[in-house]
Amino acid sequence: MHATVLTLFPGLLEAYLSTSVMGRAVEGGLVEIDLVDLRDYGEGPHRQVDDRPFGGGPGMVLMAEPILRAVEDAREAHEEGARTLFLSPQGRAFDQALARELAAHGPGFVLVCGRYEGIDERALTVLEPEEISVGDFVLSGGEVAAMAVLDATARLVPGVLGHDQSAEEDSFSAEDGILDHPHYTRPAVVRGLEVPEVLRGGNHAAVARWRREQALARTRERRPDLLGGKDEGGGRRCPREP
């Protein structure tokens, strides 16, 4: 996986990308992530990247030309066909399906972190990026969202996790996209609460059934929208006759 992140604050991502799972993935060469400081493409002696909005109003807007030059250079550093992604609250919802797409996309992707009131619309018109959103809320900048996208995508790259099955069993990752089942570890009793007996019995088929039942029950309770008509067996209910 090869990703380039364009940001005004590369330091915000450097620490994260050198720690834990991401740090091991980068160090092991499984993931290549380039951080590009947008101010390197700024204009004039002060490397200006933002200006006041036409039409008035509060805040500043990222200028088109620095974004255009930075993205064009980043595309050149990737294989042909790299995707360009702009983080925006107006974009397509980022989900596990999109993470899988990006992890499997050989040429990689260029990820642009917005700041201030937004990006000059002409940059989007010229570059025609995909706009993606990590949720229906507004952040001070795209760096936090970028870390979420990078982490969710990198963990799907073979070899990044200690056991590839770990990613397959996460919430949203199963074939039907339901939530994960509960997890337990030692000791067997914590403050009077015992680990379910089925998990200690050594019957792998029974454990698998229990986990499936628990995952469905948890999804029905917390995220029924994910079931989409699935019944307890993982199939689909027949629509009712009118």
Protein backbone atom coordinates (compact mmCIF):
# COMPACT_ATOMS: atom_id res chain seq x y z
CA MET A 1 0.00 0.00 0.00
CA HIS A 2 1.36 3.40 -0.99
CA ALA A 3 -0.30 6.58 0.28
CA THR A 4 0.71 10.22 0.13
CA VAL A 5 -0.83 12.66 2.60
CA LEU A 6 -0.85 16.38 1.83
CA THR A 7 -1.17 18.43 5.00
CA LEU A 8 -0.22 21.70 6.62
CA PHE A 9 0.77 19.81 9.77
CA PRO A 10 2.81 16.70 8.91
CA GLY A 11 4.04 16.55 12.49
CA LEU A 12 0.55 15.57 13.62
CA LEU A 13 0.83 12.36 11.62
CA GLU A 14 4.52 11.56 12.09
CA ALA A 15 4.16 10.34 15.68
CA TYR A 16 1.14 8.22 14.84
CA LEU A 17 2.79 6.62 11.83
CA SER A 18 5.83 5.60 13.90
CA THR A 19 3.84 3.89 16.66
CA SER A 20 2.27 0.45 17.22
CA VAL A 21 0.69 -1.32 14.22
CA MET A 22 1.29 1.54 11.77
CA GLY A 23 4.87 1.96 12.88
CA ARG A 24 5.63 -1.73 12.36
CA ALA A 25 3.89 -1.73 8.98
CA VAL A 26 5.95 1.24 7.77
CA GLU A 27 9.19 -0.08 9.21
CA GLY A 28 8.59 -3.50 7.66
CA GLY A 29 7.97 -2.04 4.21
CA LEU A 30 4.40 -3.33 4.03
CA VAL A 31 3.04 0.21 3.93
CA GLU A 32 4.65 3.28 2.38
CA ILE A 33 3.27 6.62 3.50
CA ASP A 34 4.71 9.91 2.28
CA LEU A 35 3.92 13.10 4.16
CA VAL A 36 3.98 16.30 2.12
CA ASP A 37 3.88 19.74 3.71
CA LEU A 38 1.51 21.92 1.68
CA ARG A 39 3.52 24.98 2.67
CA ASP A 40 6.31 23.71 0.46
CA TYR A 41 3.97 24.67 -2.39
CA GLY A 42 2.94 28.00 -0.90
CA GLU A 43 3.25 31.27 -2.79
CA GLY A 44 5.66 34.11 -2.13
CA PRO A 45 8.37 34.51 0.52
CA HIS A 46 5.93 33.54 3.28
CA ARG A 47 4.78 30.39 1.44
CA GLN A 48 1.15 31.53 1.57
CA VAL A 49 -1.43 28.74 1.17
CA ASP A 50 -4.65 30.47 2.25
CA ASP A 51 -6.52 33.73 1.72
CA ARG A 52 -9.78 35.43 2.59
CA PRO A 53 -12.94 34.14 0.89
CA PHE A 54 -14.49 36.00 -2.02
CA GLY A 55 -17.88 37.33 -0.99
CA GLY A 56 -16.78 37.92 2.58
CA GLY A 57 -17.39 35.86 5.65
CA PRO A 58 -15.29 34.44 8.47
CA GLY A 59 -12.17 32.32 8.22
CA MET A 60 -9.75 31.56 5.44
CA VAL A 61 -9.83 29.32 2.37
CA LEU A 62 -6.99 27.14 1.09
CA MET A 63 -5.79 28.52 -2.25
CA ALA A 64 -6.18 26.46 -5.41
CA GLU A 65 -2.66 26.64 -6.91
CA PRO A 66 -0.72 25.21 -3.94
CA ILE A 67 -3.18 22.31 -3.78
CA LEU A 68 -3.01 21.74 -7.53
CA ARG A 69 0.79 21.68 -7.64
CA ALA A 70 1.08 19.45 -4.58
CA VAL A 71 -1.42 16.89 -5.87
CA GLU A 72 0.08 16.84 -9.36
CA ASP A 73 3.55 16.15 -7.92
CA ALA A 74 2.15 13.49 -5.60
CA ARG A 75 0.44 11.74 -8.51
CA GLU A 76 3.76 11.65 -10.35
CA ALA A 77 5.30 9.79 -7.40
CA HIS A 78 2.67 7.05 -7.64
CA GLU A 79 1.99 4.44 -10.24
CA GLU A 80 -0.49 5.42 -12.93
CA GLY A 81 -4.06 5.19 -11.71
CA ALA A 82 -3.54 6.36 -8.13
CA ARG A 83 -6.75 7.63 -6.56
CA THR A 84 -7.01 11.19 -5.26
CA LEU A 85 -9.07 11.61 -2.11
CA PHE A 86 -10.15 14.88 -0.49
CA LEU A 87 -11.31 14.64 3.12
CA SER A 88 -14.55 16.58 3.37
CA PRO A 89 -17.75 16.47 5.46
CA GLN A 90 -19.58 16.62 2.12
CA GLY A 91 -18.04 13.43 0.75
CA ARG A 92 -18.95 9.75 0.47
CA ALA A 93 -19.04 8.04 3.84
CA PHE A 94 -15.81 6.21 4.54
CA ASP A 95 -16.57 2.64 5.59
CA GLN A 96 -15.01 -0.81 5.71
CA ALA A 97 -15.91 -1.48 2.08
CA LEU A 98 -13.99 1.59 0.93
CA ALA A 99 -11.07 0.65 3.20
CA ARG A 100 -10.92 -2.72 1.43
CA GLU A 101 -10.98 -0.97 -1.95
CA LEU A 102 -8.07 1.26 -1.03
CA ALA A 103 -6.03 -1.56 0.51
CA ALA A 104 -6.36 -3.58 -2.70
CA HIS A 105 -5.69 -0.65 -5.05
CA GLY A 106 -2.16 -1.23 -6.32
CA PRO A 107 -1.28 2.32 -7.44
CA GLY A 108 -2.23 3.65 -4.01
CA PHE A 109 -3.85 6.97 -3.23
CA VAL A 110 -3.21 10.65 -2.53
CA LEU A 111 -5.03 11.99 0.52
CA VAL A 112 -5.58 15.74 0.92
CA CYS A 113 -6.26 17.18 4.39
CA GLY A 114 -8.40 20.29 4.35
CA ARG A 115 -8.13 23.18 6.81
CA TYR A 116 -9.89 26.42 7.65
CA GLU A 117 -13.19 27.04 5.84
CA GLY A 118 -12.35 24.69 3.00
CA ILE A 119 -10.54 24.47 -0.33
CA ASP A 120 -10.95 26.75 -3.33
CA GLU A 121 -13.57 24.98 -5.46
CA ARG A 122 -11.43 25.38 -8.58
CA ALA A 123 -8.91 22.88 -7.18
CA LEU A 124 -11.68 20.28 -7.01
CA THR A 125 -12.89 21.18 -10.50
CA VAL A 126 -9.42 20.65 -12.01
CA LEU A 127 -8.37 17.57 -10.03
CA GLU A 128 -11.77 15.80 -9.90
CA PRO A 129 -10.93 13.98 -6.65
CA GLU A 130 -13.11 11.59 -4.71
CA GLU A 131 -14.44 13.34 -1.62
CA ILE A 132 -14.76 11.16 1.49
CA SER A 133 -16.07 11.81 4.99
CA VAL A 134 -15.44 9.95 8.25
CA GLY A 135 -18.72 11.12 9.76
CA ASP A 136 -21.40 13.76 10.02
CA PHE A 137 -19.36 16.18 12.09
CA VAL A 138 -16.76 18.87 11.47
CA LEU A 139 -13.10 18.67 12.50
CA SER A 140 -10.56 21.48 12.69
CA GLY A 141 -8.64 19.80 9.90
CA GLY A 142 -8.35 16.59 7.93
CA GLU A 143 -5.39 15.13 9.82
CA VAL A 144 -7.45 13.19 12.37
CA ALA A 145 -9.65 11.85 9.59
CA ALA A 146 -6.57 10.96 7.54
CA MET A 147 -5.20 8.87 10.41
CA ALA A 148 -8.50 7.00 10.59
CA VAL A 149 -8.44 6.28 6.85
CA LEU A 150 -4.80 5.18 6.89
CA ASP A 151 -5.24 2.92 9.90
CA ALA A 152 -8.43 1.26 8.67
CA THR A 153 -6.83 0.65 5.27
CA ALA A 154 -3.37 -0.46 6.38
CA ARG A 155 -4.65 -3.13 8.75
CA LEU A 156 -6.22 -4.87 5.74
CA VAL A 157 -2.87 -5.19 3.97
CA PRO A 158 -1.64 -8.81 4.29
CA GLY A 159 1.04 -9.12 6.96
CA VAL A 160 0.30 -5.87 8.78
CA LEU A 161 -1.54 -7.56 11.64
CA GLY A 162 0.03 -10.43 13.54
CA HIS A 163 -2.77 -12.72 12.36
CA ASP A 164 -4.60 -11.85 9.13
CA GLN A 165 -7.78 -13.42 10.52
CA SER A 166 -7.89 -10.62 13.10
CA ALA A 167 -8.96 -8.14 10.41
CA GLU A 168 -11.48 -10.58 8.96
CA GLU A 169 -13.26 -10.95 12.29
CA ASP A 170 -13.48 -7.24 13.19
CA SER A 171 -16.80 -5.41 13.23
CA PHE A 172 -18.01 -4.62 9.69
CA SER A 173 -15.40 -6.98 8.22
CA ALA A 174 -17.37 -10.23 8.05
CA GLU A 175 -19.08 -11.12 4.79
CA ASP A 176 -22.38 -9.74 6.09
CA GLY A 177 -20.84 -6.67 7.75
CA ILE A 178 -22.30 -7.14 11.25
CA LEU A 179 -20.72 -6.14 14.57
CA ASP A 180 -18.12 -8.23 16.34
CA HIS A 181 -18.91 -10.67 19.14
CA PRO A 182 -17.84 -10.07 22.79
CA HIS A 183 -14.26 -10.96 23.78
CA TYR A 184 -12.85 -12.34 27.03
CA THR A 185 -9.41 -13.15 28.43
CA ARG A 186 -7.96 -14.36 31.74
CA PRO A 187 -8.79 -14.51 34.58
CA ALA A 188 -11.98 -16.55 34.25
CA VAL A 189 -13.73 -14.49 36.96
CA VAL A 190 -13.55 -10.68 37.36
CA ARG A 191 -15.53 -9.13 40.22
CA GLY A 192 -17.97 -11.99 40.19
CA LEU A 193 -18.44 -11.94 36.41
CA GLU A 194 -17.53 -15.24 34.76
CA VAL A 195 -16.42 -15.97 31.23
CA PRO A 196 -19.23 -17.84 29.44
CA GLU A 197 -18.80 -21.59 29.92
CA VAL A 198 -18.98 -22.29 26.18
CA LEU A 199 -15.70 -20.41 25.65
CA ARG A 200 -13.93 -22.65 28.18
CA GLY A 201 -15.28 -25.97 26.96
CA GLY A 202 -12.94 -26.56 24.03
CA ASN A 203 -15.77 -27.24 21.54
CA HIS A 204 -14.78 -25.09 18.58
CA ALA A 205 -18.06 -25.59 16.72
CA ALA A 206 -20.02 -24.53 19.81
CA VAL A 207 -17.77 -21.49 20.23
CA ALA A 208 -18.32 -20.48 16.61
CA ARG A 209 -22.11 -20.79 17.02
CA TRP A 210 -22.05 -18.77 20.25
CA ARG A 211 -19.96 -16.03 18.68
CA ARG A 212 -22.27 -15.82 15.68
CA GLU A 213 -25.35 -15.61 17.91
CA GLN A 214 -23.75 -12.94 20.07
CA ALA A 215 -22.66 -10.90 17.05
CA LEU A 216 -26.19 -10.95 15.63
CA ALA A 217 -27.75 -10.12 18.99
CA ARG A 218 -25.36 -7.21 19.51
CA THR A 219 -26.03 -5.92 16.00
CA ARG A 220 -29.81 -6.13 16.48
CA GLU A 221 -29.49 -4.17 19.71
CA ARG A 222 -26.92 -1.55 18.73
CA ARG A 223 -26.93 -1.26 14.93
CA PRO A 224 -30.10 -2.85 13.49
CA ASP A 225 -29.52 -0.88 10.30
CA LEU A 226 -26.62 -3.22 9.50
CA LEU A 227 -28.81 -6.31 9.42
CA GLY A 228 -30.77 -5.25 6.36
CA GLY A 229 -33.34 -8.00 6.81
CA LYS A 230 -30.95 -10.79 7.84
CA ASP A 231 -32.45 -13.46 10.08
CA GLU A 232 -30.71 -15.16 12.98
CA GLY A 233 -29.06 -17.63 10.63
CA GLY A 234 -27.44 -14.93 8.54
CA GLY A 235 -29.84 -15.33 5.62
CA ARG A 236 -32.52 -12.90 4.53
CA ARG A 237 -36.15 -12.83 5.42
CA CYS A 238 -38.62 -13.14 2.61
CA PRO A 239 -40.53 -9.91 2.04
CA ARG A 240 -44.09 -9.98 3.32
CA GLU A 241 -46.92 -10.19 0.89
CA PRO A 242 -48.79 -6.90 0.50
